Amino acid sequence: MTEILLTSESFVRSVTNVSDNLAGKYILPSIREAQEQGLKGILGDCLLSKVKQLIISNALDGKYKELVDHCQYYLAYAAIVEVTNKVSFKIGNFGVAKSQDENLQVASYDEIVKMQYYYQTKVDAYCLELQTWILDNKESFPELNECHCRKLSSNLHSAASCGIFLGGARGKRR
């Protein structure tokens, strides 16, 4: 099966402060996680699958193309949140380690968490913007109502990612 990513490594690099020498082996899994965990929670299984099918068949246009365009910044910043720990810590035969170089000062765990929080606030802002755009254009996406109870439904009413439950998808009735 062909893997479809809705954004690219080059876009993530162009809009964030990711170093040019950061290997794609860290960025691509982070994009995948941002898309398959975060974005899927916004769009739902049905709409995300539809977009992927349109990309595979080279038929992405209209509102679906606009949807993918609106997802770009969300995916880029969500990928950065994911990549932070991947590049900060390595898991080896001897356990978890962080690299130390004589010309480079490694950020402390607290500094890493602060950076993740900074990017997570950007993700939340882009999530809210994306949700608002989808709600404004929901009549163009019949897939928002087609998901069955075994599939993930879209969450278009809560962009918060904090540890406190603020209502979320269960707080709204369709």
Protein backbone atom coordinates (compact mmCIF):
# COMPACT_ATOMS: atom_id res chain seq x y z
CA MET A 1 0.00 0.00 0.00
CA THR A 2 1.26 3.45 -0.90
CA GLU A 3 1.79 5.83 1.98
CA ILE A 4 0.18 9.21 1.44
CA LEU A 5 1.43 12.18 3.44
CA LEU A 6 -0.51 15.43 3.08
CA THR A 7 2.53 17.63 3.64
CA SER A 8 6.18 17.34 2.79
CA GLU A 9 9.49 17.44 4.56
CA SER A 10 10.44 20.51 2.51
CA PHE A 11 7.32 22.40 3.64
CA VAL A 12 8.03 21.57 7.30
CA ARG A 13 11.57 22.85 6.87
CA SER A 14 10.41 26.02 5.08
CA VAL A 15 7.98 27.19 7.79
CA THR A 16 9.79 26.11 10.95
CA ASN A 17 13.23 26.53 12.42
CA VAL A 18 14.27 22.95 11.65
CA SER A 19 17.94 22.70 10.75
CA ASP A 20 18.72 21.80 7.14
CA ASN A 21 20.89 18.95 8.36
CA LEU A 22 18.11 17.24 10.36
CA ALA A 23 17.66 13.84 8.74
CA GLY A 24 14.42 13.00 7.02
CA LYS A 25 14.31 9.78 9.04
CA TYR A 26 13.19 11.97 11.97
CA ILE A 27 10.90 14.36 10.09
CA LEU A 28 8.93 11.85 8.01
CA PRO A 29 7.77 9.67 10.95
CA SER A 30 6.83 12.88 12.76
CA ILE A 31 4.72 14.01 9.80
CA ARG A 32 3.12 10.56 9.72
CA GLU A 33 2.26 10.77 13.43
CA ALA A 34 0.92 14.32 13.11
CA GLN A 35 -1.31 13.20 10.25
CA GLU A 36 -2.43 9.78 11.46
CA GLN A 37 -2.96 10.76 15.09
CA GLY A 38 -3.60 14.50 15.19
CA LEU A 39 -5.16 15.32 11.83
CA LYS A 40 -7.22 12.13 11.78
CA GLY A 41 -8.77 13.30 15.05
CA ILE A 42 -9.86 16.52 13.34
CA LEU A 43 -10.99 15.19 9.97
CA GLY A 44 -12.12 11.73 11.00
CA ASP A 45 -11.33 8.46 9.24
CA CYS A 46 -13.76 8.93 6.36
CA LEU A 47 -12.66 12.40 5.26
CA LEU A 48 -8.95 11.63 5.63
CA SER A 49 -9.41 8.42 3.60
CA LYS A 50 -11.28 10.32 0.90
CA VAL A 51 -8.49 12.90 0.62
CA LYS A 52 -5.88 10.14 0.36
CA GLN A 53 -7.92 8.37 -2.36
CA LEU A 54 -8.18 11.61 -4.33
CA ILE A 55 -4.41 12.09 -4.10
CA ILE A 56 -3.75 8.52 -5.26
CA SER A 57 -6.11 8.92 -8.21
CA ASN A 58 -4.63 12.36 -9.01
CA ALA A 59 -8.10 13.90 -8.71
CA LEU A 60 -7.55 16.29 -5.80
CA ASP A 61 -9.29 19.56 -6.60
CA GLY A 62 -11.92 22.01 -5.41
CA LYS A 63 -12.73 22.08 -1.71
CA TYR A 64 -10.67 18.94 -1.09
CA LYS A 65 -7.58 20.68 -2.46
CA GLU A 66 -8.39 23.71 -0.29
CA LEU A 67 -8.73 21.38 2.70
CA VAL A 68 -5.25 19.94 2.12
CA ASP A 69 -3.89 23.47 1.75
CA HIS A 70 -5.49 24.45 5.07
CA CYS A 71 -3.91 21.41 6.76
CA GLN A 72 -0.32 22.37 5.87
CA TYR A 73 0.60 24.59 8.81
CA TYR A 74 -1.19 22.35 11.30
CA LEU A 75 0.80 19.35 10.05
CA ALA A 76 4.12 21.23 9.95
CA TYR A 77 3.93 22.44 13.53
CA ALA A 78 2.45 19.17 14.82
CA ALA A 79 5.38 17.37 13.19
CA ILE A 80 7.81 19.64 15.05
CA VAL A 81 6.14 18.79 18.35
CA GLU A 82 6.61 15.11 17.48
CA VAL A 83 10.20 15.43 16.23
CA THR A 84 11.48 17.21 19.35
CA ASN A 85 11.86 14.11 21.51
CA LYS A 86 13.02 11.99 18.58
CA VAL A 87 16.07 14.16 18.08
CA SER A 88 16.68 14.97 21.76
CA PHE A 89 16.87 11.43 23.05
CA LYS A 90 18.07 8.19 21.50
CA ILE A 91 17.15 4.69 22.62
CA GLY A 92 19.99 2.20 22.36
CA ASN A 93 21.03 -1.15 23.78
CA PHE A 94 22.23 0.64 26.90
CA GLY A 95 19.04 2.67 27.44
CA VAL A 96 17.96 6.24 26.75
CA ALA A 97 20.76 8.71 26.03
CA LYS A 98 21.24 12.25 24.84
CA SER A 99 24.19 13.30 22.74
CA GLN A 100 26.77 15.80 23.91
CA ASP A 101 29.13 17.57 21.56
CA GLU A 102 31.95 19.89 22.46
CA ASN A 103 30.66 22.68 20.18
CA LEU A 104 26.99 22.16 20.90
CA GLN A 105 25.11 22.63 24.13
CA VAL A 106 22.21 20.20 24.47
CA ALA A 107 18.98 21.70 25.79
CA SER A 108 17.81 20.58 29.20
CA TYR A 109 14.64 18.52 29.51
CA ASP A 110 12.78 21.59 30.81
CA GLU A 111 13.93 23.62 27.80
CA ILE A 112 12.78 20.85 25.45
CA VAL A 113 9.37 20.77 27.13
CA LYS A 114 9.09 24.57 26.85
CA MET A 115 9.91 24.39 23.15
CA GLN A 116 7.32 21.64 22.65
CA TYR A 117 4.76 23.77 24.50
CA TYR A 118 5.58 26.74 22.25
CA TYR A 119 4.98 24.66 19.14
CA GLN A 120 1.92 22.97 20.64
CA THR A 121 0.28 26.37 21.11
CA LYS A 122 0.86 27.01 17.41
CA VAL A 123 -0.63 23.59 16.60
CA ASP A 124 -3.69 24.41 18.70
CA ALA A 125 -4.14 27.75 16.92
CA TYR A 126 -3.86 26.15 13.47
CA CYS A 127 -6.18 23.36 14.62
CA LEU A 128 -8.85 25.88 15.59
CA GLU A 129 -8.40 27.71 12.30
CA LEU A 130 -8.73 24.41 10.38
CA GLN A 131 -11.79 23.34 12.36
CA THR A 132 -13.46 26.70 11.75
CA TRP A 133 -12.75 26.47 8.00
CA ILE A 134 -14.14 22.92 7.85
CA LEU A 135 -17.29 23.94 9.75
CA ASP A 136 -17.74 26.88 7.37
CA ASN A 137 -17.45 24.47 4.42
CA LYS A 138 -18.97 21.31 5.90
CA GLU A 139 -21.58 20.99 3.16
CA SER A 140 -18.71 20.26 0.74
CA PHE A 141 -17.59 17.22 2.75
CA PRO A 142 -20.29 14.53 3.01
CA GLU A 143 -17.66 12.26 4.60
CA LEU A 144 -18.01 14.21 7.85
CA ASN A 145 -21.33 12.44 8.43
CA GLU A 146 -20.53 9.04 6.91
CA CYS A 147 -18.34 7.55 9.63
CA HIS A 148 -19.71 4.54 11.44
CA CYS A 149 -19.32 3.90 15.15
CA ARG A 150 -16.16 1.80 14.63
CA LYS A 151 -14.40 4.61 12.80
CA LEU A 152 -13.02 7.82 14.22
CA SER A 153 -15.44 10.72 13.78
CA SER A 154 -14.27 14.25 13.17
CA ASN A 155 -13.73 16.57 16.11
CA LEU A 156 -14.56 20.08 14.99
CA HIS A 157 -15.39 21.69 18.33
CA SER A 158 -12.27 21.49 20.50
CA ALA A 159 -8.74 22.54 19.57
CA ALA A 160 -7.34 22.41 23.09
CA SER A 161 -4.51 20.01 23.80
CA CYS A 162 -4.09 20.67 27.52
CA GLY A 163 -4.40 18.04 30.24
CA ILE A 164 -7.76 19.36 31.43
CA PHE A 165 -10.91 18.08 29.70
CA LEU A 166 -12.62 21.14 28.22
CA GLY A 167 -15.67 19.48 26.70
CA GLY A 168 -14.26 18.13 23.46
CA ALA A 169 -16.24 16.27 20.86
CA ARG A 170 -18.52 14.62 23.43
CA GLY A 171 -19.75 18.02 24.62
CA LYS A 172 -21.42 18.83 21.27
CA ARG A 173 -24.45 17.26 19.65
CA ARG A 174 -24.68 17.01 15.89
